[in-house]
């Protein structure tokens, strides 16, 4: 199972979706999902209510970037930059929330 949507990735890369999903799209979604899971230290994909809503958007951007960079390997695509920034923002948001819940100062 992967995060993201192959149709949205195709729209980001080519502007429209093809009738048959190219193998590269599936592979890029798998790679982007693996990247997210490794960055967040997840052992398996999250699904249903456990999966944050932003995961699909982040995965779509990263997968589109992977495909675009295959055409020009020396250049980091804007989709990759956006996807990495979205992932970093998500990590920052979750870190701030967990810090806020874990530190309780009590004055006597």
PDB file of N, CA and C in Angstrom:
ATOM      1  N   UNK A   1       0.845  -1.187   0.000  1.00  0.00           N
ATOM      2  CA  UNK A   1       0.000   0.000   0.000  1.00  0.00           C
ATOM      3  C   UNK A   1       0.886   1.245   0.000  1.00  0.00           C
ATOM      4  N   UNK A   2       0.439   2.240  -0.702  1.00  0.00           N
ATOM      5  CA  UNK A   2       1.196   3.493  -0.753  1.00  0.00           C
ATOM      6  C   UNK A   2       0.266   4.655  -0.410  1.00  0.00           C
ATOM      7  N   UNK A   3       0.889   5.757  -0.045  1.00  0.00           N
ATOM      8  CA  UNK A   3       0.144   6.993   0.109  1.00  0.00           C
ATOM      9  C   UNK A   3       0.044   7.626  -1.277  1.00  0.00           C
ATOM     10  N   UNK A   4      -0.781   8.625  -1.416  1.00  0.00           N
ATOM     11  CA  UNK A   4      -0.849   9.366  -2.663  1.00  0.00           C
ATOM     12  C   UNK A   4      -1.823   8.775  -3.668  1.00  0.00           C
ATOM     13  N   UNK A   5      -1.883   9.440  -4.821  1.00  0.00           N
ATOM     14  CA  UNK A   5      -2.835   9.069  -5.863  1.00  0.00           C
ATOM     15  C   UNK A   5      -2.145   9.183  -7.218  1.00  0.00           C
ATOM     16  N   UNK A   6      -2.159   8.096  -7.974  1.00  0.00           N
ATOM     17  CA  UNK A   6      -1.447   8.076  -9.256  1.00  0.00           C
ATOM     18  C   UNK A   6      -1.993   9.103 -10.251  1.00  0.00           C
ATOM     19  N   UNK A   7      -3.285   9.350 -10.226  1.00  0.00           N
ATOM     20  CA  UNK A   7      -3.870  10.343 -11.138  1.00  0.00           C
ATOM     21  C   UNK A   7      -3.344  11.738 -10.826  1.00  0.00           C
ATOM     22  N   UNK A   8      -3.272  12.081  -9.545  1.00  0.00           N
ATOM     23  CA  UNK A   8      -2.774  13.404  -9.162  1.00  0.00           C
ATOM     24  C   UNK A   8      -1.300  13.560  -9.504  1.00  0.00           C
ATOM     25  N   UNK A   9      -0.531  12.487  -9.328  1.00  0.00           N
ATOM     26  CA  UNK A   9       0.887  12.551  -9.682  1.00  0.00           C
ATOM     27  C   UNK A   9       1.032  12.799 -11.183  1.00  0.00           C
ATOM     28  N   UNK A  10       0.264  12.076 -11.994  1.00  0.00           N
ATOM     29  CA  UNK A  10       0.327  12.261 -13.447  1.00  0.00           C
ATOM     30  C   UNK A  10      -0.060  13.690 -13.832  1.00  0.00           C
ATOM     31  N   UNK A  11      -1.069  14.241 -13.162  1.00  0.00           N
ATOM     32  CA  UNK A  11      -1.473  15.623 -13.443  1.00  0.00           C
ATOM     33  C   UNK A  11      -0.359  16.606 -13.088  1.00  0.00           C
ATOM     34  N   UNK A  12       0.348  16.351 -12.007  1.00  0.00           N
ATOM     35  CA  UNK A  12       1.458  17.223 -11.623  1.00  0.00           C
ATOM     36  C   UNK A  12       2.598  17.147 -12.635  1.00  0.00           C
ATOM     37  N   UNK A  13       2.861  15.955 -13.138  1.00  0.00           N
ATOM     38  CA  UNK A  13       3.995  15.766 -14.043  1.00  0.00           C
ATOM     39  C   UNK A  13       3.657  16.140 -15.478  1.00  0.00           C
ATOM     40  N   UNK A  14       2.542  15.621 -16.004  1.00  0.00           N
ATOM     41  CA  UNK A  14       2.226  15.774 -17.430  1.00  0.00           C
ATOM     42  C   UNK A  14       1.025  16.677 -17.707  1.00  0.00           C
ATOM     43  N   UNK A  15       0.314  17.094 -16.684  1.00  0.00           N
ATOM     44  CA  UNK A  15      -0.843  17.962 -16.897  1.00  0.00           C
ATOM     45  C   UNK A  15      -2.138  17.210 -17.132  1.00  0.00           C
ATOM     46  N   UNK A  16      -2.050  15.906 -17.335  1.00  0.00           N
ATOM     47  CA  UNK A  16      -3.251  15.070 -17.487  1.00  0.00           C
ATOM     48  C   UNK A  16      -2.879  13.634 -17.151  1.00  0.00           C
ATOM     49  N   UNK A  17      -3.906  12.829 -16.879  1.00  0.00           N
ATOM     50  CA  UNK A  17      -3.682  11.431 -16.534  1.00  0.00           C
ATOM     51  C   UNK A  17      -3.806  10.559 -17.775  1.00  0.00           C
ATOM     52  N   UNK A  18      -2.978   9.563 -17.862  1.00  0.00           N
ATOM     53  CA  UNK A  18      -3.018   8.629 -18.984  1.00  0.00           C
ATOM     54  C   UNK A  18      -4.049   7.529 -18.693  1.00  0.00           C
ATOM     55  N   UNK A  19      -4.526   6.865 -19.736  1.00  0.00           N
ATOM     56  CA  UNK A  19      -5.523   5.810 -19.577  1.00  0.00           C
ATOM     57  C   UNK A  19      -4.971   4.645 -18.747  1.00  0.00           C
ATOM     58  N   UNK A  20      -3.708   4.310 -18.977  1.00  0.00           N
ATOM     59  CA  UNK A  20      -3.043   3.247 -18.223  1.00  0.00           C
ATOM     60  C   UNK A  20      -1.934   3.901 -17.399  1.00  0.00           C
ATOM     61  N   UNK A  21      -1.921   3.594 -16.112  1.00  0.00           N
ATOM     62  CA  UNK A  21      -0.930   4.204 -15.222  1.00  0.00           C
ATOM     63  C   UNK A  21       0.469   3.707 -15.595  1.00  0.00           C
ATOM     64  N   UNK A  22       1.382   4.619 -15.928  1.00  0.00           N
ATOM     65  CA  UNK A  22       2.758   4.207 -16.236  1.00  0.00           C
ATOM     66  C   UNK A  22       3.430   3.571 -15.012  1.00  0.00           C
ATOM     67  N   UNK A  23       4.261   2.571 -15.254  1.00  0.00           N
ATOM     68  CA  UNK A  23       4.941   1.867 -14.161  1.00  0.00           C
ATOM     69  C   UNK A  23       5.776   2.812 -13.309  1.00  0.00           C
ATOM     70  N   UNK A  24       6.340   3.831 -13.933  1.00  0.00           N
ATOM     71  CA  UNK A  24       7.160   4.787 -13.195  1.00  0.00           C
ATOM     72  C   UNK A  24       6.387   5.533 -12.117  1.00  0.00           C
ATOM     73  N   UNK A  25       5.094   5.737 -12.344  1.00  0.00           N
ATOM     74  CA  UNK A  25       4.270   6.446 -11.359  1.00  0.00           C
ATOM     75  C   UNK A  25       4.107   5.583 -10.111  1.00  0.00           C
ATOM     76  N   UNK A  26       3.803   4.320 -10.312  1.00  0.00           N
ATOM     77  CA  UNK A  26       3.640   3.400  -9.182  1.00  0.00           C
ATOM     78  C   UNK A  26       4.938   3.292  -8.398  1.00  0.00           C
ATOM     79  N   UNK A  27       6.038   3.164  -9.108  1.00  0.00           N
ATOM     80  CA  UNK A  27       7.345   3.067  -8.471  1.00  0.00           C
ATOM     81  C   UNK A  27       7.689   4.338  -7.694  1.00  0.00           C
ATOM     82  N   UNK A  28       7.374   5.495  -8.266  1.00  0.00           N
ATOM     83  CA  UNK A  28       7.640   6.770  -7.601  1.00  0.00           C
ATOM     84  C   UNK A  28       6.793   6.918  -6.337  1.00  0.00           C
ATOM     85  N   UNK A  29       5.527   6.489  -6.401  1.00  0.00           N
ATOM     86  CA  UNK A  29       4.667   6.538  -5.206  1.00  0.00           C
ATOM     87  C   UNK A  29       5.219   5.627  -4.109  1.00  0.00           C
ATOM     88  N   UNK A  30       5.701   4.455  -4.491  1.00  0.00           N
ATOM     89  CA  UNK A  30       6.286   3.537  -3.505  1.00  0.00           C
ATOM     90  C   UNK A  30       7.531   4.146  -2.868  1.00  0.00           C
ATOM     91  N   UNK A  31       8.366   4.772  -3.687  1.00  0.00           N
ATOM     92  CA  UNK A  31       9.585   5.412  -3.161  1.00  0.00           C
ATOM     93  C   UNK A  31       9.256   6.578  -2.243  1.00  0.00           C
ATOM     94  N   UNK A  32       8.279   7.389  -2.636  1.00  0.00           N
ATOM     95  CA  UNK A  32       7.885   8.542  -1.814  1.00  0.00           C
ATOM     96  C   UNK A  32       7.283   8.071  -0.490  1.00  0.00           C
ATOM     97  N   UNK A  33       6.482   7.014  -0.530  1.00  0.00           N
ATOM     98  CA  UNK A  33       5.897   6.462   0.694  1.00  0.00           C
ATOM     99  C   UNK A  33       7.000   5.946   1.617  1.00  0.00           C
ATOM    100  N   UNK A  34       7.965   5.241   1.052  1.00  0.00           N
ATOM    101  CA  UNK A  34       9.084   4.727   1.843  1.00  0.00           C
ATOM    102  C   UNK A  34       9.890   5.870   2.466  1.00  0.00           C
ATOM    103  N   UNK A  35      10.078   6.950   1.714  1.00  0.00           N
ATOM    104  CA  UNK A  35      10.807   8.107   2.231  1.00  0.00           C
ATOM    105  C   UNK A  35      10.081   8.715   3.431  1.00  0.00           C
ATOM    106  N   UNK A  36       8.782   8.905   3.295  1.00  0.00           N
ATOM    107  CA  UNK A  36       7.996   9.476   4.392  1.00  0.00           C
ATOM    108  C   UNK A  36       8.066   8.574   5.619  1.00  0.00           C
ATOM    109  N   UNK A  37       7.866   7.289   5.411  1.00  0.00           N
ATOM    110  CA  UNK A  37       7.898   6.361   6.540  1.00  0.00           C
ATOM    111  C   UNK A  37       9.261   6.348   7.225  1.00  0.00           C
ATOM    112  N   UNK A  38      10.333   6.423   6.444  1.00  0.00           N
ATOM    113  CA  UNK A  38      11.662   6.406   7.058  1.00  0.00           C
ATOM    114  C   UNK A  38      11.942   7.702   7.810  1.00  0.00           C
ATOM    115  N   UNK A  39      11.549   8.838   7.238  1.00  0.00           N
ATOM    116  CA  UNK A  39      11.765  10.129   7.912  1.00  0.00           C
ATOM    117  C   UNK A  39      10.999  10.206   9.231  1.00  0.00           C
ATOM    118  N   UNK A  40       9.802   9.583   9.247  1.00  0.00           N
ATOM    119  CA  UNK A  40       8.967   9.632  10.453  1.00  0.00           C
ATOM    120  C   UNK A  40       9.153   8.408  11.345  1.00  0.00           C
ATOM    121  N   UNK A  41      10.089   7.543  10.942  1.00  0.00           N
ATOM    122  CA  UNK A  41      10.396   6.354  11.730  1.00  0.00           C
ATOM    123  C   UNK A  41       9.196   5.415  11.875  1.00  0.00           C
ATOM    124  N   UNK A  42       8.431   5.260  10.810  1.00  0.00           N
ATOM    125  CA  UNK A  42       7.268   4.379  10.813  1.00  0.00           C
ATOM    126  C   UNK A  42       7.669   3.030  10.237  1.00  0.00           C
ATOM    127  N   UNK A  43       7.209   1.957  10.847  1.00  0.00           N
ATOM    128  CA  UNK A  43       7.548   0.609  10.382  1.00  0.00           C
ATOM    129  C   UNK A  43       6.650   0.155   9.230  1.00  0.00           C
ATOM    130  N   UNK A  44       5.437   0.698   9.142  1.00  0.00           N
ATOM    131  CA  UNK A  44       4.519   0.342   8.063  1.00  0.00           C
ATOM    132  C   UNK A  44       3.643   1.541   7.741  1.00  0.00           C
ATOM    133  N   UNK A  45       2.956   1.449   6.584  1.00  0.00           N
ATOM    134  CA  UNK A  45       2.106   2.557   6.156  1.00  0.00           C
ATOM    135  C   UNK A  45       0.921   2.722   7.102  1.00  0.00           C
ATOM    136  N   UNK A  46       0.567   3.961   7.331  1.00  0.00           N
ATOM    137  CA  UNK A  46      -0.619   4.258   8.115  1.00  0.00           C
ATOM    138  C   UNK A  46      -1.822   4.267   7.172  1.00  0.00           C
ATOM    139  N   UNK A  47      -2.972   3.917   7.691  1.00  0.00           N
ATOM    140  CA  UNK A  47      -4.169   3.917   6.848  1.00  0.00           C
ATOM    141  C   UNK A  47      -5.376   4.341   7.676  1.00  0.00           C
ATOM    142  N   UNK A  48      -6.455   4.629   6.972  1.00  0.00           N
ATOM    143  CA  UNK A  48      -7.705   5.003   7.634  1.00  0.00           C
ATOM    144  C   UNK A  48      -7.544   6.241   8.497  1.00  0.00           C
ATOM    145  N   UNK A  49      -8.121   6.182   9.683  1.00  0.00           N
ATOM    146  CA  UNK A  49      -8.101   7.328  10.595  1.00  0.00           C
ATOM    147  C   UNK A  49      -6.697   7.622  11.128  1.00  0.00           C
ATOM    148  N   UNK A  50      -5.789   6.635  11.077  1.00  0.00           N
ATOM    149  CA  UNK A  50      -4.430   6.832  11.575  1.00  0.00           C
ATOM    150  C   UNK A  50      -3.563   7.641  10.618  1.00  0.00           C
ATOM    151  N   UNK A  51      -3.952   7.689   9.339  1.00  0.00           N
ATOM    152  CA  UNK A  51      -3.128   8.373   8.336  1.00  0.00           C
ATOM    153  C   UNK A  51      -3.462   9.864   8.318  1.00  0.00           C
ATOM    154  N   UNK A  52      -2.468  10.709   8.568  1.00  0.00           N
ATOM    155  CA  UNK A  52      -2.699  12.152   8.477  1.00  0.00           C
ATOM    156  C   UNK A  52      -3.118  12.561   7.067  1.00  0.00           C
ATOM    157  N   UNK A  53      -4.017  13.507   6.981  1.00  0.00           N
ATOM    158  CA  UNK A  53      -4.564  13.942   5.692  1.00  0.00           C
ATOM    159  C   UNK A  53      -3.479  14.480   4.770  1.00  0.00           C
ATOM    160  N   UNK A  54      -2.447  15.077   5.314  1.00  0.00           N
ATOM    161  CA  UNK A  54      -1.402  15.689   4.489  1.00  0.00           C
ATOM    162  C   UNK A  54      -0.482  14.678   3.812  1.00  0.00           C
ATOM    163  N   UNK A  55      -0.488  13.427   4.260  1.00  0.00           N
ATOM    164  CA  UNK A  55       0.415  12.430   3.693  1.00  0.00           C
ATOM    165  C   UNK A  55       0.216  12.265   2.188  1.00  0.00           C
ATOM    166  N   UNK A  56      -1.028  12.264   1.724  1.00  0.00           N
ATOM    167  CA  UNK A  56      -1.281  12.079   0.296  1.00  0.00           C
ATOM    168  C   UNK A  56      -0.700  13.233  -0.521  1.00  0.00           C
ATOM    169  N   UNK A  57      -0.900  14.455  -0.066  1.00  0.00           N
ATOM    170  CA  UNK A  57      -0.365  15.621  -0.790  1.00  0.00           C
ATOM    171  C   UNK A  57       1.166  15.615  -0.811  1.00  0.00           C
ATOM    172  N   UNK A  58       1.764  15.273   0.318  1.00  0.00           N
ATOM    173  CA  UNK A  58       3.228  15.213   0.404  1.00  0.00           C
ATOM    174  C   UNK A  58       3.752  14.138  -0.550  1.00  0.00           C
ATOM    175  N   UNK A  59       3.116  12.971  -0.527  1.00  0.00           N
ATOM    176  CA  UNK A  59       3.549  11.861  -1.379  1.00  0.00           C
ATOM    177  C   UNK A  59       3.400  12.209  -2.852  1.00  0.00           C
ATOM    178  N   UNK A  60       2.295  12.841  -3.219  1.00  0.00           N
ATOM    179  CA  UNK A  60       2.088  13.222  -4.616  1.00  0.00           C
ATOM    180  C   UNK A  60       3.199  14.149  -5.102  1.00  0.00           C
ATOM    181  N   UNK A  61       3.562  15.134  -4.283  1.00  0.00           N
ATOM    182  CA  UNK A  61       4.625  16.075  -4.666  1.00  0.00           C
ATOM    183  C   UNK A  61       5.964  15.361  -4.799  1.00  0.00           C
ATOM    184  N   UNK A  62       6.295  14.515  -3.814  1.00  0.00           N
ATOM    185  CA  UNK A  62       7.570  13.809  -3.864  1.00  0.00           C
ATOM    186  C   UNK A  62       7.637  12.857  -5.057  1.00  0.00           C
ATOM    187  N   UNK A  63       6.553  12.136  -5.324  1.00  0.00           N
ATOM    188  CA  UNK A  63       6.521  11.199  -6.451  1.00  0.00           C
ATOM    189  C   UNK A  63       6.660  11.949  -7.781  1.00  0.00           C
ATOM    190  N   UNK A  64       5.970  13.077  -7.908  1.00  0.00           N
ATOM    191  CA  UNK A  64       6.098  13.886  -9.121  1.00  0.00           C
ATOM    192  C   UNK A  64       7.543  14.354  -9.292  1.00  0.00           C
ATOM    193  N   UNK A  65       8.169  14.735  -8.192  1.00  0.00           N
ATOM    194  CA  UNK A  65       9.568  15.158  -8.244  1.00  0.00           C
ATOM    195  C   UNK A  65      10.494  14.038  -8.676  1.00  0.00           C
ATOM    196  N   UNK A  66      10.247  12.843  -8.185  1.00  0.00           N
ATOM    197  CA  UNK A  66      11.069  11.684  -8.569  1.00  0.00           C
ATOM    198  C   UNK A  66      10.989  11.466 -10.080  1.00  0.00           C
ATOM    199  N   UNK A  67       9.786  11.529 -10.627  1.00  0.00           N
ATOM    200  CA  UNK A  67       9.599  11.327 -12.071  1.00  0.00           C
ATOM    201  C   UNK A  67      10.266  12.444 -12.868  1.00  0.00           C
ATOM    202  N   UNK A  68      10.076  13.689 -12.429  1.00  0.00           N
ATOM    203  CA  UNK A  68      10.667  14.824 -13.144  1.00  0.00           C
ATOM    204  C   UNK A  68      12.193  14.774 -13.118  1.00  0.00           C
ATOM    205  N   UNK A  69      12.760  14.313 -12.018  1.00  0.00           N
ATOM    206  CA  UNK A  69      14.215  14.271 -11.900  1.00  0.00           C
ATOM    207  C   UNK A  69      14.831  13.154 -12.736  1.00  0.00           C
ATOM    208  N   UNK A  70      14.037  12.174 -13.134  1.00  0.00           N
ATOM    209  CA  UNK A  70      14.551  11.131 -14.027  1.00  0.00           C
ATOM    210  C   UNK A  70      14.846  11.709 -15.408  1.00  0.00           C
ATOM    211  N   UNK A  71      14.091  12.740 -15.789  1.00  0.00           N
ATOM    212  CA  UNK A  71      14.310  13.392 -17.087  1.00  0.00           C
ATOM    213  C   UNK A  71      15.572  14.254 -17.073  1.00  0.00           C
ATOM    214  N   UNK A  72      15.853  14.865 -15.914  1.00  0.00           N
ATOM    215  CA  UNK A  72      17.013  15.740 -15.766  1.00  0.00           C
ATOM    216  C   UNK A  72      17.654  15.475 -14.404  1.00  0.00           C
ATOM    217  N   UNK A  73      18.476  14.429 -14.308  1.00  0.00           N
ATOM    218  CA  UNK A  73      19.005  13.976 -13.023  1.00  0.00           C
ATOM    219  C   UNK A  73      19.844  15.001 -12.252  1.00  0.00           C
ATOM    220  N   UNK A  74      20.406  15.981 -12.930  1.00  0.00           N
ATOM    221  CA  UNK A  74      21.271  16.947 -12.252  1.00  0.00           C
ATOM    222  C   UNK A  74      20.541  18.064 -11.544  1.00  0.00           C
ATOM    223  N   UNK A  75      19.229  18.138 -11.727  1.00  0.00           N
ATOM    224  CA  UNK A  75      18.465  19.265 -11.188  1.00  0.00           C
ATOM    225  C   UNK A  75      17.387  18.757 -10.232  1.00  0.00           C
ATOM    226  N   UNK A  76      17.293  19.400  -9.072  1.00  0.00           N
ATOM    227  CA  UNK A  76      16.237  19.067  -8.119  1.00  0.00           C
ATOM    228  C   UNK A  76      14.953  19.777  -8.561  1.00  0.00           C
ATOM    229  N   UNK A  77      13.889  19.018  -8.753  1.00  0.00           N
ATOM    230  CA  UNK A  77      12.649  19.605  -9.273  1.00  0.00           C
ATOM    231  C   UNK A  77      11.915  20.410  -8.201  1.00  0.00           C
ATOM    232  N   UNK A  78      11.078  21.314  -8.645  1.00  0.00           N
ATOM    233  CA  UNK A  78      10.268  22.122  -7.730  1.00  0.00           C
ATOM    234  C   UNK A  78       9.294  21.242  -6.941  1.00  0.00           C
ATOM    235  N   UNK A  79       8.826  20.171  -7.552  1.00  0.00           N
ATOM    236  CA  UNK A  79       7.924  19.256  -6.847  1.00  0.00           C
ATOM    237  C   UNK A  79       8.643  18.604  -5.672  1.00  0.00           C
ATOM    238  N   UNK A  80       9.892  18.221  -5.872  1.00  0.00           N
ATOM    239  CA  UNK A  80      10.664  17.630  -4.774  1.00  0.00           C
ATOM    240  C   UNK A  80      10.871  18.646  -3.664  1.00  0.00           C
ATOM    241  N   UNK A  81      11.233  19.855  -4.040  1.00  0.00           N
ATOM    242  CA  UNK A  81      11.445  20.915  -3.049  1.00  0.00           C
ATOM    243  C   UNK A  81      10.164  21.146  -2.244  1.00  0.00           C
ATOM    244  N   UNK A  82       9.015  21.252  -2.943  1.00  0.00           N
ATOM    245  CA  UNK A  82       7.731  21.449  -2.251  1.00  0.00           C
ATOM    246  C   UNK A  82       7.406  20.267  -1.352  1.00  0.00           C
ATOM    247  N   UNK A  83       7.591  19.057  -1.852  1.00  0.00           N
ATOM    248  CA  UNK A  83       7.299  17.862  -1.058  1.00  0.00           C
ATOM    249  C   UNK A  83       8.150  17.774   0.191  1.00  0.00           C
ATOM    250  N   UNK A  84       9.449  18.057   0.047  1.00  0.00           N
ATOM    251  CA  UNK A  84      10.340  18.046   1.210  1.00  0.00           C
ATOM    252  C   UNK A  84       9.943  19.111   2.219  1.00  0.00           C
ATOM    253  N   UNK A  85       9.563  20.288   1.727  1.00  0.00           N
ATOM    254  CA  UNK A  85       9.147  21.360   2.628  1.00  0.00           C
ATOM    255  C   UNK A  85       7.848  20.992   3.346  1.00  0.00           C
ATOM    256  N   UNK A  86       6.917  20.396   2.613  1.00  0.00           N
ATOM    257  CA  UNK A  86       5.651  19.968   3.227  1.00  0.00           C
ATOM    258  C   UNK A  86       5.905  18.912   4.300  1.00  0.00           C
ATOM    259  N   UNK A  87       6.822  17.982   4.038  1.00  0.00           N
ATOM    260  CA  UNK A  87       7.154  16.952   5.020  1.00  0.00           C
ATOM    261  C   UNK A  87       7.819  17.572   6.238  1.00  0.00           C
ATOM    262  N   UNK A  88       8.737  18.506   6.009  1.00  0.00           N
ATOM    263  CA  UNK A  88       9.397  19.185   7.130  1.00  0.00           C
ATOM    264  C   UNK A  88       8.387  19.973   7.955  1.00  0.00           C
ATOM    265  N   UNK A  89       7.458  20.663   7.297  1.00  0.00           N
ATOM    266  CA  UNK A  89       6.414  21.399   8.019  1.00  0.00           C
ATOM    267  C   UNK A  89       5.569  20.451   8.861  1.00  0.00           C
ATOM    268  N   UNK A  90       5.230  19.300   8.296  1.00  0.00           N
ATOM    269  CA  UNK A  90       4.451  18.313   9.053  1.00  0.00           C
ATOM    270  C   UNK A  90       5.239  17.850  10.274  1.00  0.00           C
ATOM    271  N   UNK A  91       6.527  17.563  10.079  1.00  0.00           N
ATOM    272  CA  UNK A  91       7.362  17.113  11.199  1.00  0.00           C
ATOM    273  C   UNK A  91       7.473  18.200  12.261  1.00  0.00           C
ATOM    274  N   UNK A  92       7.632  19.451  11.836  1.00  0.00           N
ATOM    275  CA  UNK A  92       7.714  20.563  12.784  1.00  0.00           C
ATOM    276  C   UNK A  92       6.407  20.708  13.559  1.00  0.00           C
ATOM    277  N   UNK A  93       5.282  20.600  12.863  1.00  0.00           N
ATOM    278  CA  UNK A  93       3.975  20.730  13.518  1.00  0.00           C
ATOM    279  C   UNK A  93       3.760  19.639  14.551  1.00  0.00           C
ATOM    280  N   UNK A  94       4.108  18.400  14.213  1.00  0.00           N
ATOM    281  CA  UNK A  94       3.890  17.305  15.156  1.00  0.00           C
ATOM    282  C   UNK A  94       4.849  17.395  16.332  1.00  0.00           C
ATOM    283  N   UNK A  95       6.067  17.902  16.093  1.00  0.00           N
ATOM    284  CA  UNK A  95       7.030  18.063  17.181  1.00  0.00           C
ATOM    285  C   UNK A  95       6.544  19.123  18.158  1.00  0.00           C
ATOM    286  N   UNK A  96       6.038  20.223  17.639  1.00  0.00           N
ATOM    287  CA  UNK A  96       5.535  21.293  18.503  1.00  0.00           C
ATOM    288  C   UNK A  96       4.359  20.794  19.338  1.00  0.00           C
ATOM    289  N   UNK A  97       3.452  20.063  18.715  1.00  0.00           N
ATOM    290  CA  UNK A  97       2.291  19.541  19.455  1.00  0.00           C
ATOM    291  C   UNK A  97       2.722  18.573  20.532  1.00  0.00           C
ATOM    292  N   UNK A  98       3.668  17.678  20.217  1.00  0.00           N
ATOM    293  CA  UNK A  98       4.077  16.701  21.220  1.00  0.00           C
ATOM    294  C   UNK A  98       4.855  17.367  22.349  1.00  0.00           C
ATOM    295  N   UNK A  99       5.633  18.395  22.023  1.00  0.00           N
ATOM    296  CA  UNK A  99       6.343  19.118  23.080  1.00  0.00           C
ATOM    297  C   UNK A  99       5.355  19.816  24.005  1.00  0.00           C
ATOM    298  N   UNK A 100       4.339  20.413  23.419  1.00  0.00           N
ATOM    299  CA  UNK A 100       3.351  21.127  24.224  1.00  0.00           C
ATOM    300  C   UNK A 100       2.607  20.213  25.189  1.00  0.00           C
ATOM    301  N   UNK A 101       2.428  18.972  24.789  1.00  0.00           N
ATOM    302  CA  UNK A 101       1.715  18.033  25.653  1.00  0.00           C
ATOM    303  C   UNK A 101       2.630  17.372  26.672  1.00  0.00           C
ATOM    304  N   UNK A 102       3.937  17.383  26.425  1.00  0.00           N
ATOM    305  CA  UNK A 102       4.815  16.625  27.298  1.00  0.00           C
ATOM    306  C   UNK A 102       5.459  17.456  28.408  1.00  0.00           C
ATOM    307  N   UNK A 103       5.423  18.764  28.294  1.00  0.00           N
ATOM    308  CA  UNK A 103       6.034  19.590  29.330  1.00  0.00           C
ATOM    309  C   UNK A 103       4.957  20.301  30.135  1.00  0.00           C
ATOM    310  N   UNK A 104       4.822  19.893  31.361  1.00  0.00           N
ATOM    311  CA  UNK A 104       3.883  20.553  32.278  1.00  0.00           C
ATOM    312  C   UNK A 104       4.679  21.040  33.477  1.00  0.00           C
ATOM    313  N   UNK A 105       4.686  22.324  33.657  1.00  0.00           N
ATOM    314  CA  UNK A 105       5.436  22.914  34.781  1.00  0.00           C
ATOM    315  C   UNK A 105       4.459  23.199  35.894  1.00  0.00           C
ATOM    316  N   UNK A 106       4.859  22.793  37.051  1.00  0.00           N
ATOM    317  CA  UNK A 106       3.992  22.990  38.214  1.00  0.00           C
ATOM    318  C   UNK A 106       4.738  23.813  39.248  1.00  0.00           C
ATOM    319  N   UNK A 107       4.146  24.931  39.643  1.00  0.00           N
ATOM    320  CA  UNK A 107       4.731  25.774  40.663  1.00  0.00           C
ATOM    321  C   UNK A 107       3.976  25.569  41.967  1.00  0.00           C
ATOM    322  N   UNK A 108       4.720  25.389  43.027  1.00  0.00           N
ATOM    323  CA  UNK A 108       4.068  25.172  44.325  1.00  0.00           C
ATOM    324  C   UNK A 108       4.242  26.368  45.219  1.00  0.00           C
TER     325      UNK A 108
END
